[in-house]
Amino acid sequence: MTILSSLGNEQVLMSRDNPAGFKLEELTRKLRYEIEEKTRNISNDERIQAKTVVNNNSQIIGLLHQIEAIQRQSFVLMEQIAPDEGALGKPRIGK
């Protein structure tokens, strides 16, 4: 939590105000890969606590997949409005 707390009120996701931020789909993919690796590292531990953590991680990975799918759907919808002009371009939705 040190990194997150050191961010304070700084934005994490890419936006007009934060063009160097993370794209949501890249951030979720990176999180998913890291959680998958951590899960592999504990998958042979037979203790109930480890099994529960593996199960929890599997659920989190599933939710991250859902986030990525929802984001892809948003891309399709926004592409119907106008081409992507990037973080500094004209917004396709909103102001």
N, C-alpha and C. Protein backbone atom coordinates (compact mmCIF):
# COMPACT_ATOMS: atom_id res chain seq x y z
N MET A 1 0.81 -1.20 0.00
CA MET A 1 0.00 0.00 0.00
C MET A 1 0.85 1.26 0.00
N THR A 2 2.14 1.12 0.13
CA THR A 2 3.00 2.29 0.15
C THR A 2 2.90 3.09 -1.13
N ILE A 3 2.90 2.40 -2.28
CA ILE A 3 2.82 3.10 -3.55
C ILE A 3 1.50 3.84 -3.66
N LEU A 4 0.40 3.17 -3.32
CA LEU A 4 -0.90 3.82 -3.42
C LEU A 4 -1.01 5.00 -2.47
N SER A 5 -0.54 4.85 -1.26
CA SER A 5 -0.64 5.96 -0.32
C SER A 5 0.29 7.09 -0.73
N SER A 6 1.39 6.78 -1.41
CA SER A 6 2.29 7.84 -1.84
C SER A 6 1.71 8.61 -3.03
N LEU A 7 0.72 8.02 -3.71
CA LEU A 7 0.08 8.71 -4.82
C LEU A 7 -0.82 9.84 -4.35
N GLY A 8 -1.30 9.73 -3.13
CA GLY A 8 -2.20 10.76 -2.62
C GLY A 8 -3.42 10.88 -3.50
N ASN A 9 -3.68 12.07 -4.01
CA ASN A 9 -4.83 12.31 -4.87
C ASN A 9 -4.49 12.22 -6.36
N GLU A 10 -3.27 11.80 -6.68
CA GLU A 10 -2.87 11.71 -8.09
C GLU A 10 -3.72 10.69 -8.83
N GLN A 11 -4.01 10.98 -10.08
CA GLN A 11 -4.77 10.05 -10.91
C GLN A 11 -3.87 8.90 -11.36
N VAL A 12 -4.44 7.74 -11.49
CA VAL A 12 -3.72 6.55 -11.92
C VAL A 12 -4.03 6.25 -13.38
N LEU A 13 -5.30 6.39 -13.78
CA LEU A 13 -5.72 6.05 -15.13
C LEU A 13 -5.43 7.18 -16.12
N MET A 14 -5.16 6.79 -17.36
CA MET A 14 -4.92 7.76 -18.42
C MET A 14 -6.16 8.60 -18.64
N SER A 15 -5.94 9.89 -18.80
CA SER A 15 -7.03 10.82 -19.08
C SER A 15 -6.43 12.07 -19.70
N ARG A 16 -7.29 13.00 -20.03
CA ARG A 16 -6.82 14.28 -20.55
C ARG A 16 -5.92 14.96 -19.52
N ASP A 17 -6.28 14.84 -18.24
CA ASP A 17 -5.49 15.46 -17.17
C ASP A 17 -4.27 14.63 -16.79
N ASN A 18 -4.24 13.37 -17.21
CA ASN A 18 -3.14 12.47 -16.87
C ASN A 18 -2.79 11.59 -18.08
N PRO A 19 -2.25 12.21 -19.16
CA PRO A 19 -1.98 11.44 -20.38
C PRO A 19 -0.93 10.35 -20.20
N ALA A 20 -0.13 10.43 -19.15
CA ALA A 20 0.90 9.40 -18.90
C ALA A 20 0.38 8.28 -18.00
N GLY A 21 -0.91 8.32 -17.67
CA GLY A 21 -1.48 7.31 -16.78
C GLY A 21 -1.64 5.97 -17.46
N PHE A 22 -2.10 5.01 -16.69
CA PHE A 22 -2.31 3.65 -17.19
C PHE A 22 -3.62 3.57 -17.96
N LYS A 23 -3.64 2.77 -19.02
CA LYS A 23 -4.90 2.40 -19.66
C LYS A 23 -5.52 1.33 -18.76
N LEU A 24 -6.81 1.41 -18.55
CA LEU A 24 -7.48 0.47 -17.65
C LEU A 24 -7.21 -0.98 -18.05
N GLU A 25 -7.32 -1.27 -19.34
CA GLU A 25 -7.14 -2.65 -19.79
C GLU A 25 -5.70 -3.14 -19.60
N GLU A 26 -4.72 -2.25 -19.67
CA GLU A 26 -3.33 -2.64 -19.42
C GLU A 26 -3.10 -2.88 -17.94
N LEU A 27 -3.68 -2.04 -17.12
CA LEU A 27 -3.54 -2.18 -15.67
C LEU A 27 -4.20 -3.47 -15.18
N THR A 28 -5.40 -3.75 -15.66
CA THR A 28 -6.07 -4.98 -15.21
C THR A 28 -5.32 -6.22 -15.70
N ARG A 29 -4.78 -6.16 -16.93
CA ARG A 29 -4.02 -7.30 -17.45
C ARG A 29 -2.78 -7.55 -16.60
N LYS A 30 -2.07 -6.48 -16.25
CA LYS A 30 -0.87 -6.61 -15.42
C LYS A 30 -1.23 -7.17 -14.04
N LEU A 31 -2.27 -6.65 -13.44
CA LEU A 31 -2.72 -7.18 -12.15
C LEU A 31 -3.07 -8.66 -12.25
N ARG A 32 -3.78 -9.02 -13.31
CA ARG A 32 -4.19 -10.41 -13.50
C ARG A 32 -2.97 -11.33 -13.62
N TYR A 33 -1.99 -10.93 -14.41
CA TYR A 33 -0.78 -11.75 -14.57
C TYR A 33 -0.04 -11.92 -13.25
N GLU A 34 0.06 -10.83 -12.48
CA GLU A 34 0.76 -10.92 -11.20
C GLU A 34 0.02 -11.82 -10.22
N ILE A 35 -1.29 -11.70 -10.18
CA ILE A 35 -2.08 -12.54 -9.27
C ILE A 35 -2.00 -14.00 -9.71
N GLU A 36 -2.02 -14.24 -11.02
CA GLU A 36 -1.88 -15.62 -11.51
C GLU A 36 -0.55 -16.22 -11.09
N GLU A 37 0.53 -15.44 -11.18
CA GLU A 37 1.84 -15.94 -10.78
C GLU A 37 1.89 -16.22 -9.28
N LYS A 38 1.36 -15.31 -8.48
CA LYS A 38 1.33 -15.52 -7.03
C LYS A 38 0.51 -16.76 -6.68
N THR A 39 -0.57 -16.96 -7.42
CA THR A 39 -1.42 -18.12 -7.18
C THR A 39 -0.68 -19.41 -7.50
N ARG A 40 0.06 -19.42 -8.60
CA ARG A 40 0.87 -20.61 -8.94
C ARG A 40 1.88 -20.91 -7.84
N ASN A 41 2.44 -19.87 -7.23
CA ASN A 41 3.45 -20.06 -6.19
C ASN A 41 2.89 -20.71 -4.93
N ILE A 42 1.60 -20.58 -4.69
CA ILE A 42 1.02 -21.16 -3.47
C ILE A 42 0.08 -22.32 -3.76
N SER A 43 -0.05 -22.69 -5.02
CA SER A 43 -1.06 -23.70 -5.39
C SER A 43 -0.79 -25.09 -4.82
N ASN A 44 0.44 -25.39 -4.45
CA ASN A 44 0.76 -26.71 -3.89
C ASN A 44 0.64 -26.76 -2.36
N ASP A 45 0.36 -25.63 -1.75
CA ASP A 45 0.19 -25.58 -0.30
C ASP A 45 -1.18 -26.16 0.04
N GLU A 46 -1.20 -27.20 0.84
CA GLU A 46 -2.44 -27.92 1.14
C GLU A 46 -3.22 -27.33 2.32
N ARG A 47 -2.68 -26.35 3.00
CA ARG A 47 -3.41 -25.78 4.14
C ARG A 47 -4.68 -25.10 3.67
N ILE A 48 -5.69 -25.12 4.52
CA ILE A 48 -6.99 -24.54 4.17
C ILE A 48 -6.87 -23.04 3.86
N GLN A 49 -5.99 -22.36 4.58
CA GLN A 49 -5.81 -20.93 4.35
C GLN A 49 -5.28 -20.69 2.93
N ALA A 50 -4.30 -21.50 2.53
CA ALA A 50 -3.73 -21.35 1.18
C ALA A 50 -4.78 -21.67 0.12
N LYS A 51 -5.55 -22.73 0.35
CA LYS A 51 -6.60 -23.09 -0.61
C LYS A 51 -7.64 -21.97 -0.73
N THR A 52 -7.95 -21.34 0.40
CA THR A 52 -8.90 -20.23 0.38
C THR A 52 -8.33 -19.05 -0.39
N VAL A 53 -7.05 -18.75 -0.19
CA VAL A 53 -6.41 -17.66 -0.93
C VAL A 53 -6.40 -17.96 -2.43
N VAL A 54 -6.10 -19.20 -2.80
CA VAL A 54 -6.13 -19.60 -4.21
C VAL A 54 -7.53 -19.38 -4.78
N ASN A 55 -8.55 -19.78 -4.04
CA ASN A 55 -9.93 -19.58 -4.48
C ASN A 55 -10.25 -18.10 -4.61
N ASN A 56 -9.87 -17.31 -3.62
CA ASN A 56 -10.11 -15.87 -3.67
C ASN A 56 -9.42 -15.25 -4.89
N ASN A 57 -8.16 -15.66 -5.11
CA ASN A 57 -7.41 -15.13 -6.25
C ASN A 57 -8.09 -15.49 -7.57
N SER A 58 -8.62 -16.70 -7.65
CA SER A 58 -9.33 -17.11 -8.87
C SER A 58 -10.55 -16.23 -9.11
N GLN A 59 -11.25 -15.90 -8.05
CA GLN A 59 -12.41 -15.01 -8.18
C GLN A 59 -11.97 -13.62 -8.62
N ILE A 60 -10.88 -13.12 -8.05
CA ILE A 60 -10.36 -11.80 -8.42
C ILE A 60 -9.95 -11.79 -9.89
N ILE A 61 -9.28 -12.85 -10.33
CA ILE A 61 -8.87 -12.95 -11.74
C ILE A 61 -10.10 -12.93 -12.64
N GLY A 62 -11.15 -13.63 -12.25
CA GLY A 62 -12.40 -13.62 -13.02
C GLY A 62 -13.00 -12.22 -13.10
N LEU A 63 -12.97 -11.50 -12.01
CA LEU A 63 -13.49 -10.13 -12.01
C LEU A 63 -12.66 -9.22 -12.90
N LEU A 64 -11.34 -9.41 -12.88
CA LEU A 64 -10.47 -8.62 -13.76
C LEU A 64 -10.77 -8.91 -15.23
N HIS A 65 -11.05 -10.18 -15.55
CA HIS A 65 -11.47 -10.53 -16.92
C HIS A 65 -12.76 -9.79 -17.28
N GLN A 66 -13.69 -9.73 -16.33
CA GLN A 66 -14.95 -9.02 -16.59
C GLN A 66 -14.71 -7.54 -16.84
N ILE A 67 -13.81 -6.95 -16.07
CA ILE A 67 -13.47 -5.53 -16.26
C ILE A 67 -12.93 -5.32 -17.67
N GLU A 68 -12.03 -6.20 -18.10
CA GLU A 68 -11.45 -6.08 -19.44
C GLU A 68 -12.53 -6.21 -20.52
N ALA A 69 -13.46 -7.14 -20.34
CA ALA A 69 -14.54 -7.32 -21.32
C ALA A 69 -15.45 -6.10 -21.38
N ILE A 70 -15.78 -5.55 -20.24
CA ILE A 70 -16.62 -4.35 -20.19
C ILE A 70 -15.90 -3.18 -20.85
N GLN A 71 -14.61 -3.06 -20.61
CA GLN A 71 -13.83 -1.98 -21.23
C GLN A 71 -13.81 -2.14 -22.75
N ARG A 72 -13.64 -3.38 -23.24
CA ARG A 72 -13.67 -3.61 -24.70
C ARG A 72 -15.03 -3.21 -25.28
N GLN A 73 -16.09 -3.51 -24.55
CA GLN A 73 -17.43 -3.11 -25.00
C GLN A 73 -17.53 -1.59 -25.09
N SER A 74 -16.97 -0.90 -24.12
CA SER A 74 -16.97 0.57 -24.15
C SER A 74 -16.20 1.09 -25.36
N PHE A 75 -15.08 0.44 -25.70
CA PHE A 75 -14.31 0.85 -26.88
C PHE A 75 -15.16 0.75 -28.14
N VAL A 76 -15.91 -0.35 -28.27
CA VAL A 76 -16.76 -0.55 -29.45
C VAL A 76 -17.80 0.56 -29.52
N LEU A 77 -18.42 0.87 -28.40
CA LEU A 77 -19.45 1.91 -28.37
C LEU A 77 -18.86 3.28 -28.71
N MET A 78 -17.71 3.59 -28.14
CA MET A 78 -17.10 4.90 -28.40
C MET A 78 -16.61 5.01 -29.83
N GLU A 79 -16.15 3.91 -30.42
CA GLU A 79 -15.70 3.91 -31.81
C GLU A 79 -16.86 4.21 -32.76
N GLN A 80 -18.08 3.88 -32.34
CA GLN A 80 -19.26 4.19 -33.15
C GLN A 80 -19.52 5.69 -33.19
N ILE A 81 -19.02 6.40 -32.19
CA ILE A 81 -19.21 7.85 -32.11
C ILE A 81 -18.16 8.57 -32.94
N ALA A 82 -16.89 8.22 -32.72
CA ALA A 82 -15.78 8.89 -33.42
C ALA A 82 -14.50 8.10 -33.18
N PRO A 83 -13.50 8.30 -34.05
CA PRO A 83 -12.20 7.65 -33.82
C PRO A 83 -11.54 8.17 -32.54
N ASP A 84 -10.70 7.34 -31.95
CA ASP A 84 -9.97 7.72 -30.74
C ASP A 84 -8.88 8.72 -31.11
N GLU A 85 -8.90 9.89 -30.49
CA GLU A 85 -7.88 10.91 -30.72
C GLU A 85 -6.81 10.90 -29.63
N GLY A 86 -6.84 9.91 -28.76
CA GLY A 86 -5.84 9.82 -27.71
C GLY A 86 -6.21 10.63 -26.49
N ALA A 87 -5.37 10.52 -25.48
CA ALA A 87 -5.65 11.17 -24.19
C ALA A 87 -5.76 12.68 -24.30
N LEU A 88 -5.05 13.28 -25.24
CA LEU A 88 -5.07 14.74 -25.37
C LEU A 88 -6.04 15.23 -26.44
N GLY A 89 -6.70 14.29 -27.13
CA GLY A 89 -7.63 14.66 -28.19
C GLY A 89 -9.00 15.04 -27.66
N LYS A 90 -9.89 15.31 -28.60
CA LYS A 90 -11.26 15.69 -28.25
C LYS A 90 -11.98 14.47 -27.67
N PRO A 91 -12.64 14.62 -26.52
CA PRO A 91 -13.37 13.51 -25.93
C PRO A 91 -14.55 13.09 -26.82
N ARG A 92 -14.78 11.80 -26.90
CA ARG A 92 -15.90 11.29 -27.69
C ARG A 92 -17.20 11.32 -26.90
N ILE A 93 -17.09 11.26 -25.58
CA ILE A 93 -18.25 11.27 -24.70
C ILE A 93 -17.98 12.30 -23.61
N GLY A 94 -18.96 13.10 -23.30
CA GLY A 94 -18.79 14.10 -22.24
C GLY A 94 -18.04 15.33 -22.74
N LYS A 95 -17.49 16.05 -21.78
CA LYS A 95 -16.79 17.31 -22.10
C LYS A 95 -15.31 17.13 -22.14
